[in-house]
Amino acid sequence: MSTQTRVQEQMELWLNDPAIDEATKNELRSIAADEKEIEDRFYRDLEFGTGGLRGVIGAGTNRMNAYTVARATQGLAQFVLKQGASAPSVVIAYDSRNQSPEFALESAKVLAGNGIKAYVFESLRTTPELSFAVRHLQATAGIVITASHNPPEYNGYKVYGTDGGQLVPDQAEQVIAEIRGIQSFSDVKRLSRADAEAQGLLEWIGQAVDDAYIEAVASVSLNRELVGKMSDDFRIVFTPLHGAGNLSVRAALAAIGFTHVHVVAEQELPDANFSTVKSPNPEEREAFTLAIEEAKRLGADLIIGTDPDCDRMGAVVKNPQGEYVVLSGNQSGALMVDYLLSNLQQRGELPANGVVVKTIVTSEMGAAVAEAYGAKVLNTLTGFKYIGEKMTQFERTGEAQFLFGYEESYGYLAGTYARDKDAVIASMLICEAAAYYKSQGKTLYDVLQELYAKHGYFLEKLESRTLKGKDGVEQIQAIMHDWRTQPPAELNGLKIAKLEDFQQGLYGLPVENVLKFTLEDDSWFCLRPSGTEPKIKVYFAVRGASAEAASSSLEKLASQVMARVDEFR
């Protein structure tokens, strides 16, 4: 079927489906003359990527709306029922985005229509608490309505398995197969909210789960007594960037003794439009503009920020000149690995079979730090679901003890209470580490320089190109095909020592459209289409004898690679 034929057929199905409300149909009629817009809305169904469903809010199969959410939930319900649980249940959480509460309730009503109990949080909650709640309530699955750090016009739908981890590819494919079998929205079963509540198929949850979650997070603390001693002289500035992290992060910090936590007032309350930032992403320095101003006013020791669903954490530290420097995800990860493992070693509690898990696009600096303490390091594909999958494997087999998991995109987890990255525990740990080192007369910036001096100057960079719509998808495919079929022999004056094509299913990992090139000096770059945004991402990493040498090598490598990538734009 041609794209044009599919678009026309899908458009007509929506306009003629009696299960679709008139307001949605009128939205489609209003753009009927815009062929490009109609094509983008209907040329495909939203697909599960590294973060489940994610897309722009609006009418159409390639959009987030009550109908695509209901259809996805009907497919999930059929998947859940096939798991054979005697009393199947699903936990649902949502963040501060537009239509998040509505999508959450719609999901609950569809689950109830299929005889599946839905536990729904009474107000917005973080993604990691959803992961915890699935395990805590012994549910069959979980749903979180979020688009993480995407722009405000986006929302999304992530699905979790009974272990509290995001669905991995084989599970996601089963759900997708169920979804594809639903030809009409009339096939979606649902109960009204009142009927679902009356039949005990919709239960609202809140404070009791919150308390259990914060207790689990705080239990990972290594130096609570020291925090108590340092708290009067340690100031933290925190921005939740208008998201779900405000209460949870503050509760976790208070639980281990921090008393001077200053929240950026302009960014404290939920705001679906994220009106004070260009992007609610703690990976970007601009997101910290207001927080840095507040920190300067207070003379704060540390700044932390979390994204809308609070699964990513960014930290800002002081350098010797008193300037606030935004740490990369790789730097924060290495610092937390060093803090955790050094303290466990000092206590004699570092297990012989301890493992740190990271992704293939994450810096090797954290690996070098972990290995220096005798810990094993495992690599997974991009996406924290693969780290969660390893955790569940360790729990089942006893072959290893999980110590820490992280990825370069600001996602971290310590402890085994959840199976997804958690900005709440990352906030707690980075603050605890900063207080610990301050008691020794050092800042996190100082410790980072010590790690560079000991392990080498690791520098990383991420370049991305946004290529929207059907044309963008085709351009991304062309870029990957070009590099896959015509790999360079050398770059940056160095030979390509190794090409890893993860579409070939390397190292027992799932098949994924990722190419990683390693040069003869062990620097590397990796091309990967985003699973959640219309982007191609290119990751770069080098290791030098000095900061200057590493920086020079990184810029030369990145410029050569991106020049070739940009030929397709």
Protein backbone atom coordinates (compact mmCIF):
# COMPACT_ATOMS: atom_id res chain seq x y z
CA MET A 1 0.00 0.00 0.00
CA SER A 2 1.36 3.39 -0.96
CA THR A 3 1.79 6.07 1.68
CA GLN A 4 -0.80 8.27 -0.01
CA THR A 5 -3.35 5.45 -0.06
CA ARG A 6 -2.76 4.65 3.60
CA VAL A 7 -3.13 8.30 4.57
CA GLN A 8 -6.41 8.64 2.66
CA GLU A 9 -7.83 5.41 4.09
CA GLN A 10 -6.89 6.22 7.67
CA MET A 11 -8.25 9.75 7.40
CA GLU A 12 -11.59 8.39 6.14
CA LEU A 13 -11.72 5.77 8.88
CA TRP A 14 -11.33 8.44 11.53
CA LEU A 15 -13.92 10.73 9.95
CA ASN A 16 -16.46 7.88 9.65
CA ASP A 17 -15.81 6.00 12.90
CA PRO A 18 -18.85 6.47 15.19
CA ALA A 19 -16.58 5.92 18.22
CA ILE A 20 -14.69 9.17 17.50
CA ASP A 21 -16.16 12.39 18.86
CA GLU A 22 -17.19 15.28 16.65
CA ALA A 23 -14.58 17.70 18.06
CA THR A 24 -11.78 15.40 16.90
CA LYS A 25 -13.37 15.05 13.46
CA ASN A 26 -13.69 18.82 13.18
CA GLU A 27 -9.99 19.19 14.01
CA LEU A 28 -9.21 16.92 11.05
CA ARG A 29 -11.63 18.71 8.74
CA SER A 30 -9.97 22.02 9.61
CA ILE A 31 -6.62 20.84 8.22
CA ALA A 32 -7.96 18.79 5.29
CA ALA A 33 -6.40 21.17 2.76
CA ASP A 34 -2.93 20.82 4.29
CA GLU A 35 -1.70 17.67 2.58
CA LYS A 36 1.67 17.67 4.36
CA GLU A 37 0.05 17.92 7.80
CA ILE A 38 -2.49 15.21 7.04
CA GLU A 39 0.30 12.96 5.74
CA ASP A 40 2.34 13.44 8.89
CA ARG A 41 -0.66 12.62 11.07
CA PHE A 42 -1.62 9.41 9.26
CA TYR A 43 1.34 7.96 7.36
CA ARG A 44 2.08 5.59 10.26
CA ASP A 45 0.98 4.54 13.73
CA LEU A 46 2.99 5.76 16.69
CA GLU A 47 5.61 3.11 17.42
CA PHE A 48 7.21 1.83 20.61
CA GLY A 49 10.78 3.14 20.85
CA THR A 50 13.20 3.39 23.78
CA GLY A 51 10.43 5.24 25.65
CA GLY A 52 7.24 3.54 24.42
CA LEU A 53 4.74 5.70 22.53
CA ARG A 54 5.63 9.36 22.19
CA GLY A 55 4.33 12.03 19.86
CA VAL A 56 2.76 15.42 19.29
CA ILE A 57 -0.70 15.82 20.81
CA GLY A 58 -3.46 15.96 18.20
CA ALA A 59 -5.84 13.91 16.06
CA GLY A 60 -4.42 11.11 13.91
CA THR A 61 -2.72 7.71 14.11
CA ASN A 62 0.70 9.36 14.38
CA ARG A 63 -0.40 11.60 17.24
CA MET A 64 -1.02 11.31 20.96
CA ASN A 65 -4.75 11.52 21.68
CA ALA A 66 -7.45 9.74 23.69
CA TYR A 67 -8.03 7.27 20.85
CA THR A 68 -4.43 6.19 20.27
CA VAL A 69 -4.08 5.92 24.08
CA ALA A 70 -7.27 3.84 24.32
CA ARG A 71 -6.19 1.58 21.45
CA ALA A 72 -2.75 1.08 23.01
CA THR A 73 -4.36 0.29 26.36
CA GLN A 74 -6.74 -2.22 24.79
CA GLY A 75 -3.72 -3.94 23.28
CA LEU A 76 -1.93 -3.85 26.62
CA ALA A 77 -5.02 -5.25 28.37
CA GLN A 78 -5.10 -8.20 25.98
CA PHE A 79 -1.39 -8.78 26.60
CA VAL A 80 -1.88 -8.60 30.38
CA LEU A 81 -4.76 -11.07 30.32
CA LYS A 82 -2.63 -13.54 28.38
CA GLN A 83 -0.05 -13.49 31.19
CA GLY A 84 -2.49 -15.57 33.23
CA ALA A 85 -2.43 -13.63 36.51
CA SER A 86 -5.31 -14.60 38.80
CA ALA A 87 -6.08 -10.97 39.67
CA PRO A 88 -4.40 -8.79 37.03
CA SER A 89 -3.71 -5.15 37.89
CA VAL A 90 -1.95 -2.16 36.36
CA VAL A 91 -0.53 0.92 38.12
CA ILE A 92 -0.89 4.25 36.31
CA ALA A 93 1.04 7.48 36.93
CA TYR A 94 1.25 10.72 35.00
CA ASP A 95 3.28 13.93 34.96
CA SER A 96 2.54 17.62 34.41
CA ARG A 97 2.04 17.60 30.64
CA ASN A 98 -1.02 18.65 28.68
CA GLN A 99 -3.76 15.98 28.83
CA SER A 100 -1.73 13.69 31.09
CA PRO A 101 -4.54 13.29 33.68
CA GLU A 102 -7.08 12.68 30.91
CA PHE A 103 -4.91 10.05 29.21
CA ALA A 104 -4.32 8.34 32.58
CA LEU A 105 -8.04 8.14 33.33
CA GLU A 106 -8.83 6.93 29.81
CA SER A 107 -6.27 4.14 30.27
CA ALA A 108 -7.86 3.16 33.60
CA LYS A 109 -11.36 3.03 32.07
CA VAL A 110 -10.17 0.76 29.25
CA LEU A 111 -8.38 -1.56 31.68
CA ALA A 112 -11.53 -1.73 33.81
CA GLY A 113 -13.56 -2.53 30.71
CA ASN A 114 -11.34 -5.57 30.29
CA GLY A 115 -11.74 -6.66 33.92
CA ILE A 116 -8.27 -5.45 34.95
CA LYS A 117 -7.88 -3.41 38.14
CA ALA A 118 -6.21 -0.02 37.72
CA TYR A 119 -4.33 1.66 40.56
CA VAL A 120 -4.15 5.33 39.59
CA PHE A 121 -2.17 7.98 41.44
CA GLU A 122 -4.45 10.76 42.68
CA SER A 123 -2.20 13.47 41.23
CA LEU A 124 1.02 13.75 39.25
CA ARG A 125 3.88 11.47 40.30
CA THR A 126 7.36 10.67 39.03
CA THR A 127 8.18 7.91 36.59
CA PRO A 128 10.55 6.14 39.02
CA GLU A 129 7.80 6.03 41.67
CA LEU A 130 5.61 4.29 39.08
CA SER A 131 8.35 1.68 38.61
CA PHE A 132 8.55 1.25 42.38
CA ALA A 133 4.77 1.07 42.76
CA VAL A 134 4.43 -1.77 40.24
CA ARG A 135 6.77 -3.85 42.41
CA HIS A 136 5.37 -2.58 45.72
CA LEU A 137 1.75 -3.37 44.79
CA GLN A 138 2.74 -6.59 42.98
CA ALA A 139 0.94 -5.42 39.86
CA THR A 140 1.01 -7.15 36.50
CA ALA A 141 2.08 -4.03 34.60
CA GLY A 142 2.41 -0.26 34.77
CA ILE A 143 1.70 2.77 32.60
CA VAL A 144 3.16 6.25 32.90
CA ILE A 145 1.86 9.15 30.83
CA THR A 146 4.84 11.37 30.02
CA ALA A 147 7.04 12.64 27.22
CA SER A 148 10.02 13.10 29.54
CA HIS A 149 11.95 16.23 28.46
CA ASN A 150 10.35 16.68 25.04
CA PRO A 151 8.83 20.07 24.07
CA PRO A 152 5.38 20.93 25.48
CA GLU A 153 3.44 19.88 22.38
CA TYR A 154 4.41 16.24 23.09
CA ASN A 155 3.04 13.57 25.37
CA GLY A 156 3.73 9.86 25.64
CA TYR A 157 2.81 6.48 27.06
CA LYS A 158 5.35 4.13 28.61
CA VAL A 159 4.55 0.55 29.59
CA TYR A 160 6.19 -1.40 32.40
CA GLY A 161 6.29 -5.12 33.12
CA THR A 162 5.63 -6.90 36.39
CA ASP A 163 9.27 -6.40 37.48
CA GLY A 164 8.83 -2.62 37.30
CA GLY A 165 11.01 -2.27 34.20
CA GLN A 166 10.03 -0.84 30.83
CA LEU A 167 8.99 -3.46 28.33
CA VAL A 168 11.96 -4.89 26.42
CA PRO A 169 11.63 -5.54 22.66
CA ASP A 170 10.15 -9.05 22.74
CA GLN A 171 7.46 -7.94 25.21
CA ALA A 172 6.81 -4.70 23.32
CA GLU A 173 6.36 -6.66 20.09
CA GLN A 174 3.66 -8.77 21.75
CA VAL A 175 1.81 -5.62 22.84
CA ILE A 176 2.25 -4.07 19.39
CA ALA A 177 0.81 -7.21 17.78
CA GLU A 178 -2.25 -6.91 20.00
CA ILE A 179 -2.63 -3.22 19.15
CA ARG A 180 -2.39 -3.87 15.42
CA GLY A 181 -5.26 -6.34 15.67
CA ILE A 182 -7.62 -3.58 16.83
CA GLN A 183 -9.14 -2.30 13.60
CA SER A 184 -11.77 0.05 15.00
CA PHE A 185 -12.03 2.16 18.12
CA SER A 186 -15.41 0.49 18.58
CA ASP A 187 -13.44 -2.63 19.53
CA VAL A 188 -12.03 -0.88 22.59
CA LYS A 189 -13.76 -1.95 25.81
CA ARG A 190 -14.26 0.57 28.60
CA LEU A 191 -16.23 1.31 31.72
CA SER A 192 -17.25 4.70 33.01
CA ARG A 193 -15.25 6.05 35.94
CA ALA A 194 -18.24 5.56 38.27
CA ASP A 195 -18.78 1.95 37.22
CA ALA A 196 -15.07 1.16 37.44
CA GLU A 197 -14.91 2.57 40.97
CA ALA A 198 -18.11 0.80 42.02
CA GLN A 199 -16.80 -2.55 40.77
CA GLY A 200 -13.46 -2.12 42.54
CA LEU A 201 -11.60 -1.92 39.22
CA LEU A 202 -10.35 1.64 39.78
CA GLU A 203 -8.51 2.48 42.99
CA TRP A 204 -6.87 5.83 43.66
CA ILE A 205 -3.49 5.67 45.41
CA GLY A 206 -1.18 8.27 46.92
CA GLN A 207 0.45 8.98 50.27
CA ALA A 208 0.97 5.39 51.44
CA VAL A 209 2.89 4.52 48.27
CA ASP A 210 4.76 7.86 48.45
CA ASP A 211 5.97 7.11 51.97
CA ALA A 212 7.13 3.60 51.06
CA TYR A 213 8.96 4.94 48.01
CA ILE A 214 10.82 7.69 49.90
CA GLU A 215 11.79 5.18 52.58
CA ALA A 216 13.23 2.90 49.88
CA VAL A 217 15.19 5.78 48.32
CA ALA A 218 16.56 7.00 51.66
CA SER A 219 17.67 3.49 52.59
CA VAL A 220 20.40 3.72 49.93
CA SER A 221 22.08 6.65 51.73
CA LEU A 222 25.62 5.92 52.89
CA ASN A 223 26.37 8.94 55.08
CA ARG A 224 23.16 10.12 56.71
CA GLU A 225 24.92 11.01 59.96
CA LEU A 226 27.48 13.15 58.13
CA VAL A 227 24.72 14.93 56.20
CA GLY A 228 23.09 15.83 59.49
CA LYS A 229 26.34 17.36 60.73
CA MET A 230 26.92 19.27 57.49
CA SER A 231 23.36 20.40 56.84
CA ASP A 232 23.61 23.82 58.52
CA ASP A 233 26.51 24.74 56.24
CA PHE A 234 25.35 23.17 52.98
CA ARG A 235 22.96 24.92 50.58
CA ILE A 236 21.21 23.31 47.64
CA VAL A 237 19.26 25.04 44.88
CA PHE A 238 16.73 22.77 43.19
CA THR A 239 14.56 23.24 40.12
CA PRO A 240 11.93 20.65 39.13
CA LEU A 241 11.49 22.52 35.83
CA HIS A 242 7.70 22.66 36.31
CA GLY A 243 7.52 18.88 36.55
CA ALA A 244 6.61 16.04 38.90
CA GLY A 245 9.83 15.97 40.93
CA ASN A 246 9.21 18.85 43.33
CA LEU A 247 7.76 17.01 46.33
CA SER A 248 9.64 13.72 45.93
CA VAL A 249 13.11 15.21 45.62
CA ARG A 250 12.55 17.50 48.59
CA ALA A 251 11.16 14.61 50.64
CA ALA A 252 14.17 12.40 49.90
CA LEU A 253 16.65 15.18 50.74
CA ALA A 254 14.80 15.93 53.99
CA ALA A 255 14.71 12.23 54.88
CA ILE A 256 18.51 12.04 55.05
CA GLY A 257 18.96 15.37 56.83
CA PHE A 258 19.35 18.19 54.31
CA THR A 259 17.70 21.34 55.70
CA HIS A 260 18.70 24.13 53.28
CA VAL A 261 17.02 23.19 50.00
CA HIS A 262 15.94 26.26 48.03
CA VAL A 263 13.45 25.59 45.23
CA VAL A 264 13.44 27.97 42.26
CA ALA A 265 10.06 29.62 42.85
CA GLU A 266 9.35 30.43 39.19
CA GLN A 267 9.79 26.75 38.25
CA GLU A 268 8.34 25.04 41.32
CA LEU A 269 4.72 24.50 40.28
CA PRO A 270 3.52 22.22 37.45
CA ASP A 271 3.25 24.00 34.11
CA ALA A 272 2.42 21.96 31.02
CA ASN A 273 3.87 24.67 28.78
CA PHE A 274 7.19 24.91 30.68
CA SER A 275 6.93 28.66 30.25
CA THR A 276 10.28 29.65 31.80
CA VAL A 277 12.52 27.47 29.60
CA LYS A 278 13.02 26.71 25.93
CA SER A 279 13.18 23.01 26.82
CA PRO A 280 12.56 21.33 30.22
CA ASN A 281 15.77 19.35 29.86
CA PRO A 282 18.45 19.29 32.58
CA GLU A 283 20.97 18.28 29.91
CA GLU A 284 20.92 21.90 28.69
CA ARG A 285 22.59 24.77 30.53
CA GLU A 286 19.78 27.15 29.54
CA ALA A 287 17.38 25.18 31.73
CA PHE A 288 19.49 26.19 34.75
CA THR A 289 19.50 29.95 34.06
CA LEU A 290 17.15 30.85 36.92
CA ALA A 291 18.68 28.27 39.25
CA ILE A 292 22.18 29.66 38.70
CA GLU A 293 20.95 33.17 39.46
CA GLU A 294 19.43 31.89 42.71
CA ALA A 295 22.58 29.94 43.57
CA LYS A 296 24.76 33.02 43.10
CA ARG A 297 22.47 35.00 45.39
CA LEU A 298 22.61 32.32 48.10
CA GLY A 299 26.18 31.16 47.61
CA ALA A 300 24.83 27.63 47.11
CA ASP A 301 27.15 24.63 47.15
CA LEU A 302 25.23 22.70 44.50
CA ILE A 303 22.40 23.04 41.99
CA ILE A 304 20.23 20.12 40.91
CA GLY A 305 17.46 19.97 38.32
CA THR A 306 15.04 17.27 37.21
CA ASP A 307 13.02 16.83 34.03
CA PRO A 308 9.18 16.78 33.90
CA ASP A 309 8.72 13.13 34.89
CA CYS A 310 11.76 13.21 37.20
CA ASP A 311 13.75 10.34 35.77
CA ARG A 312 16.70 12.53 34.67
CA MET A 313 18.86 14.67 36.95
CA GLY A 314 21.36 17.38 36.08
CA ALA A 315 23.88 18.88 38.51
CA VAL A 316 25.74 22.19 38.51
CA VAL A 317 28.90 22.61 40.61
CA LYS A 318 31.34 25.40 41.50
CA ASN A 319 34.79 25.53 39.95
CA PRO A 320 37.80 27.14 41.72
CA GLN A 321 36.91 30.51 40.17
CA GLY A 322 33.49 30.37 41.83
CA GLU A 323 31.68 29.86 38.53
CA TYR A 324 28.82 27.37 38.23
CA VAL A 325 29.61 24.57 35.78
CA VAL A 326 26.96 22.18 34.42
CA LEU A 327 28.15 18.58 34.68
CA SER A 328 27.53 16.19 31.82
CA GLY A 329 25.67 12.96 32.46
CA ASN A 330 28.93 11.07 32.05
CA GLN A 331 30.68 13.25 34.63
CA SER A 332 27.88 12.98 37.20
CA GLY A 333 27.76 9.23 36.63
CA ALA A 334 31.50 8.80 37.19
CA LEU A 335 31.34 10.91 40.36
CA MET A 336 28.49 8.82 41.77
CA VAL A 337 30.21 5.55 40.86
CA ASP A 338 33.34 6.73 42.67
CA TYR A 339 31.41 7.97 45.72
CA LEU A 340 29.37 4.78 46.09
CA LEU A 341 32.17 2.31 45.51
CA SER A 342 34.78 4.13 47.58
CA ASN A 343 32.43 4.31 50.56
CA LEU A 344 31.38 0.68 50.22
CA GLN A 345 35.06 -0.30 50.06
CA GLN A 346 35.91 1.74 53.15
CA ARG A 347 33.14 -0.03 55.05
CA GLY A 348 34.20 -3.46 53.79
CA GLU A 349 30.81 -3.81 52.10
CA LEU A 350 31.88 -3.86 48.45
CA PRO A 351 30.68 -7.24 47.13
CA ALA A 352 33.05 -9.44 45.17
CA ASN A 353 30.43 -9.93 42.48
CA GLY A 354 29.36 -6.27 42.30
CA VAL A 355 28.39 -4.94 38.89
CA VAL A 356 28.00 -1.47 37.39
CA VAL A 357 25.81 -1.40 34.27
CA LYS A 358 25.98 1.30 31.60
CA THR A 359 24.97 1.74 27.98
CA ILE A 360 27.12 1.41 24.86
CA VAL A 361 26.99 5.19 24.25
CA THR A 362 28.06 6.08 27.79
CA SER A 363 31.62 7.19 28.53
CA GLU A 364 34.21 4.63 29.57
CA MET A 365 35.30 6.90 32.43
CA GLY A 366 32.78 5.43 34.86
CA ALA A 367 33.88 1.97 33.76
CA ALA A 368 37.52 2.82 34.50
CA VAL A 369 36.53 4.10 37.95
CA ALA A 370 34.43 1.00 38.73
CA GLU A 371 37.10 -1.41 37.55
CA ALA A 372 39.68 0.32 39.75
CA TYR A 373 37.57 -0.83 42.72
CA GLY A 374 37.35 -4.37 41.35
CA ALA A 375 33.76 -4.08 40.16
CA LYS A 376 32.66 -5.63 36.90
CA VAL A 377 31.15 -3.37 34.20
CA LEU A 378 28.49 -4.51 31.75
CA ASN A 379 27.27 -2.66 28.67
CA THR A 380 23.70 -2.65 27.38
CA LEU A 381 21.95 -1.04 24.45
CA THR A 382 20.65 2.50 24.86
CA GLY A 383 17.54 2.69 27.01
CA PHE A 384 17.31 2.13 30.75
CA LYS A 385 14.96 -0.79 30.15
CA TYR A 386 18.00 -2.87 29.30
CA ILE A 387 19.69 -1.95 32.56
CA GLY A 388 16.48 -2.86 34.40
CA GLU A 389 16.40 -6.17 32.54
CA LYS A 390 19.92 -6.96 33.79
CA MET A 391 18.88 -6.10 37.36
CA THR A 392 15.99 -8.54 37.19
CA GLN A 393 18.31 -11.18 35.74
CA PHE A 394 20.75 -10.71 38.64
CA GLU A 395 17.90 -10.90 41.13
CA ARG A 396 16.66 -14.13 39.60
CA THR A 397 20.01 -15.91 39.19
CA GLY A 398 22.12 -14.45 41.99
CA GLU A 399 25.04 -14.28 39.54
CA ALA A 400 25.88 -10.67 40.39
CA GLN A 401 24.96 -7.86 42.76
CA PHE A 402 23.77 -4.65 41.14
CA LEU A 403 25.61 -1.58 42.42
CA PHE A 404 24.75 1.24 40.03
CA GLY A 405 23.30 1.76 36.58
CA TYR A 406 23.54 4.85 34.43
CA GLU A 407 23.47 6.32 30.95
CA GLU A 408 24.99 9.46 29.49
CA SER A 409 21.56 11.09 29.09
CA TYR A 410 21.36 11.91 32.82
CA GLY A 411 19.70 8.69 33.97
CA TYR A 412 20.93 6.94 37.15
CA LEU A 413 19.83 4.29 39.62
CA ALA A 414 21.27 2.85 42.83
CA GLY A 415 19.37 0.33 44.91
CA THR A 416 17.02 -2.35 43.64
CA TYR A 417 13.64 -0.92 44.68
CA ALA A 418 12.87 0.17 41.08
CA ARG A 419 13.81 -0.78 37.53
CA ASP A 420 14.06 2.61 35.86
CA LYS A 421 16.31 5.63 36.10
CA ASP A 422 15.47 7.78 39.10
CA ALA A 423 16.25 11.48 39.44
CA VAL A 424 15.08 11.37 43.07
CA ILE A 425 17.82 9.02 44.21
CA ALA A 426 20.31 10.66 41.84
CA SER A 427 19.53 14.02 43.46
CA MET A 428 19.95 12.52 46.91
CA LEU A 429 23.25 10.82 46.07
CA ILE A 430 24.88 13.75 44.28
CA CYS A 431 23.94 16.05 47.18
CA GLU A 432 25.21 13.53 49.72
CA ALA A 433 28.46 13.13 47.79
CA ALA A 434 28.92 16.92 47.63
CA ALA A 435 28.37 17.24 51.39
CA TYR A 436 30.75 14.33 52.04
CA TYR A 437 33.53 15.93 50.01
CA LYS A 438 32.85 19.37 51.46
CA SER A 439 33.58 17.84 54.88
CA GLN A 440 37.03 17.06 53.43
CA GLY A 441 37.49 20.57 52.04
CA LYS A 442 36.74 19.60 48.42
CA THR A 443 34.02 20.28 45.86
CA LEU A 444 32.63 17.84 43.31
CA TYR A 445 34.58 19.79 40.68
CA ASP A 446 37.79 19.08 42.62
CA VAL A 447 36.98 15.37 42.81
CA LEU A 448 36.23 15.25 39.10
CA GLN A 449 39.68 16.69 38.35
CA GLU A 450 41.22 14.03 40.61
CA LEU A 451 39.43 11.32 38.64
CA TYR A 452 40.71 12.78 35.36
CA ALA A 453 44.27 12.86 36.70
CA LYS A 454 44.00 9.24 37.84
CA HIS A 455 42.10 7.65 34.95
CA GLY A 456 42.72 9.95 31.97
CA TYR A 457 40.90 12.91 30.47
CA PHE A 458 37.70 11.49 29.08
CA LEU A 459 35.65 13.94 27.05
CA GLU A 460 32.35 13.29 25.32
CA LYS A 461 29.99 15.14 23.04
CA LEU A 462 26.53 14.55 21.63
CA GLU A 463 25.43 16.03 18.32
CA SER A 464 21.90 15.59 17.05
CA ARG A 465 19.97 16.58 13.96
CA THR A 466 16.19 16.99 14.08
CA LEU A 467 14.54 15.68 10.91
CA LYS A 468 10.77 15.82 11.22
CA GLY A 469 7.98 14.05 9.38
CA LYS A 470 8.04 11.31 6.76
CA ASP A 471 10.87 13.03 4.84
CA GLY A 472 12.91 13.18 8.04
CA VAL A 473 12.46 9.46 8.68
CA GLU A 474 13.71 8.75 5.16
CA GLN A 475 16.73 11.05 5.63
CA ILE A 476 17.67 9.30 8.87
CA GLN A 477 17.39 5.92 7.16
CA ALA A 478 19.61 7.20 4.32
CA ILE A 479 22.27 8.43 6.75
CA MET A 480 22.39 5.09 8.54
CA HIS A 481 22.52 3.20 5.23
CA ASP A 482 25.39 5.39 4.02
CA TRP A 483 27.57 4.80 7.08
CA ARG A 484 26.65 1.10 7.23
CA THR A 485 27.46 0.32 3.58
CA GLN A 486 30.36 2.74 3.06
CA PRO A 487 32.22 2.95 6.36
CA PRO A 488 35.31 5.17 6.38
CA ALA A 489 38.76 3.60 6.58
CA GLU A 490 40.07 6.39 8.79
CA LEU A 491 39.04 9.60 10.54
CA ASN A 492 40.88 12.26 12.48
CA GLY A 493 44.15 10.87 11.08
CA LEU A 494 43.47 7.49 12.70
CA LYS A 495 42.38 4.16 11.27
CA ILE A 496 38.97 2.73 12.13
CA ALA A 497 39.94 -0.25 14.28
CA LYS A 498 36.46 -1.68 14.79
CA LEU A 499 32.93 -1.27 13.43
CA GLU A 500 30.10 -2.67 15.54
CA ASP A 501 26.75 -2.96 13.79
CA PHE A 502 24.21 -3.69 16.50
CA GLN A 503 21.63 -4.47 13.84
CA GLN A 504 23.49 -7.77 13.62
CA GLY A 505 22.60 -8.71 17.20
CA LEU A 506 26.09 -8.44 18.69
CA TYR A 507 27.16 -9.82 22.08
CA GLY A 508 23.80 -11.43 22.69
CA LEU A 509 22.11 -8.00 22.77
CA PRO A 510 18.79 -7.35 21.02
CA VAL A 511 18.90 -6.12 17.43
CA GLU A 512 18.99 -2.33 17.23
CA ASN A 513 19.79 0.18 14.48
CA VAL A 514 23.06 1.46 15.97
CA LEU A 515 26.54 1.78 14.48
CA LYS A 516 29.62 2.24 16.68
CA PHE A 517 33.05 3.04 15.21
CA THR A 518 36.17 2.68 17.36
CA LEU A 519 39.43 4.30 16.23
CA GLU A 520 42.90 2.92 16.87
CA ASP A 521 43.44 5.23 19.86
CA ASP A 522 40.21 3.88 21.49
CA SER A 523 38.24 7.06 20.76
CA TRP A 524 34.83 6.26 19.29
CA PHE A 525 31.66 7.63 17.79
CA CYS A 526 28.23 6.12 17.48
CA LEU A 527 25.26 6.84 15.19
CA ARG A 528 21.78 6.11 16.52
CA PRO A 529 18.29 7.20 15.45
CA SER A 530 16.35 8.39 18.50
CA GLY A 531 13.55 6.13 19.63
CA THR A 532 11.52 9.00 21.10
CA GLU A 533 12.17 12.06 18.93
CA PRO A 534 12.56 12.77 15.19
CA LYS A 535 16.34 12.93 15.52
CA ILE A 536 19.51 11.16 14.59
CA LYS A 537 22.00 11.25 17.45
CA VAL A 538 25.77 11.01 17.08
CA TYR A 539 27.82 10.32 20.21
CA PHE A 540 31.56 11.03 20.46
CA ALA A 541 34.09 10.03 23.11
CA VAL A 542 37.86 10.50 23.41
CA ARG A 543 40.50 9.99 26.07
CA GLY A 544 43.56 12.20 26.21
CA ALA A 545 46.67 12.80 28.28
CA SER A 546 45.42 16.31 29.06
CA ALA A 547 42.19 18.26 28.89
CA GLU A 548 43.54 20.30 25.99
CA ALA A 549 44.59 17.26 23.97
CA ALA A 550 41.27 15.53 24.55
CA SER A 551 39.32 18.65 23.60
CA SER A 552 41.25 19.13 20.37
CA SER A 553 40.82 15.50 19.36
CA LEU A 554 37.10 15.57 20.16
CA GLU A 555 36.40 18.68 18.08
CA LYS A 556 38.30 17.36 15.06
CA LEU A 557 36.53 14.00 15.16
CA ALA A 558 33.08 15.53 15.61
CA SER A 559 33.54 18.04 12.80
CA GLN A 560 34.60 15.36 10.30
CA VAL A 561 31.75 13.01 11.17
CA MET A 562 29.04 15.67 11.22
CA ALA A 563 30.19 17.10 7.88
CA ARG A 564 29.33 13.75 6.29
CA VAL A 565 26.06 13.41 8.23
CA ASP A 566 24.96 16.87 7.11
CA GLU A 567 25.40 16.00 3.45
CA PHE A 568 21.98 14.32 3.68
CA ARG A 569 20.11 17.31 5.13
